[in-house]
Amino acid sequence: RLSCIRNNIWLASCGVLSSGLAVLSSFGLMLFCGVPFVVTVANAPFLILGVGVDDMFIMIASWEQSSRKKEKSSVKSLLAETYAEAALSVTITTLTDVLAFFIGTWTAFPSVRSFCLYTGTAFVFCYIYTMTFFGAVLVLNHKREQGNRHWLTCMHVAVGEDQAENSCLYNACCIGSCSRQPSQPEGEHPMSIFFKKYYGPFVTNKWIKLLVVLLYGAYLGSSVYGCTQIREGIDLRNLANDDSYVIPYYDDDEKYFSTYGPRVMVVITESVDYWNETVRLGIESCAQNLE
């Protein structure tokens, strides 16, 4: 925001920091418990960041709505109203994510199991930090705004006669307004106004609704077709522990034997008397004929 008081850069930064704390806490706990760290776990912070930032936006939006409805309310009532609006949504989304990843721990692949343990635990910590740490940051930011303090320096922004000769840029950065008036509480966010007054009526038009249905049908059909074209494949090195012998084995196999094509294996499905020399010679003859 352009206002030096209503700007919420630090608030957004603390929301990202909350996700980072969740990643550090989960990784530290899992490593302390002896859960192996594999290369696929390095993707977990990006998932946590996406969910954490989403929860942050929900909390900020609920806080702003509560502030507009109850401008003279105390901080306790505002925070209670914010949690009443946002906590249910945040809880349900976190619960579904946690269940999805913890169910993945039943897999037989150790690397996938480690990834699901790390990520599921990180979601739990992300929820805890959002409900505690970020809620406290919301209150501190509210007190800063109420005290008419600058978003960067937290210094009190005062308006007096001595600002009359300052430039518009100076007043905008240090006072919050080119008109040398203190920043006033803002109304509804421009994005909310856009969706309510323009986007909503546009989408609910009957011809637009018909177009949306047709587009969704085309999208669904192309998605089904895409699913039929998927070819299964996976790099087995990514499913092994970092110190496993499997990784150098596949590296050497790709380096030295990748030009020889697929291997052919012979499986004997019957019970065979391997101690009998005649049987062994027959097996070797069969293998030579196949070669």
Foldseek 3Di string as FASTA:
>chain_A
DLFQQPDCPVLLVVLQVLLVVLLVVLVVVCVVVPQFDAPVLVCLSVVSSVLSSVLSVLLVVQLLVLCQVCVPDDLVVSLVSSCVRRVVVSVVVLVVLLVVLCVQLPDPQSLSNSNSSSNSSSSVSSSVCSSPVSSVVVSVSVVLSVQCAGPPPSHHADADPVCPPPALVCCSRRAGGSVSDHDDDDDDDPVVCCCVPPVVVVCPDPVNVVVVVVVVVVVVVVVVVVVVVDDDDDDVLSRDGPPDPVNVVVVVCCVPPVVVDDDDDDDDPDDDDPVDPVRVVVVVVVVVVVD
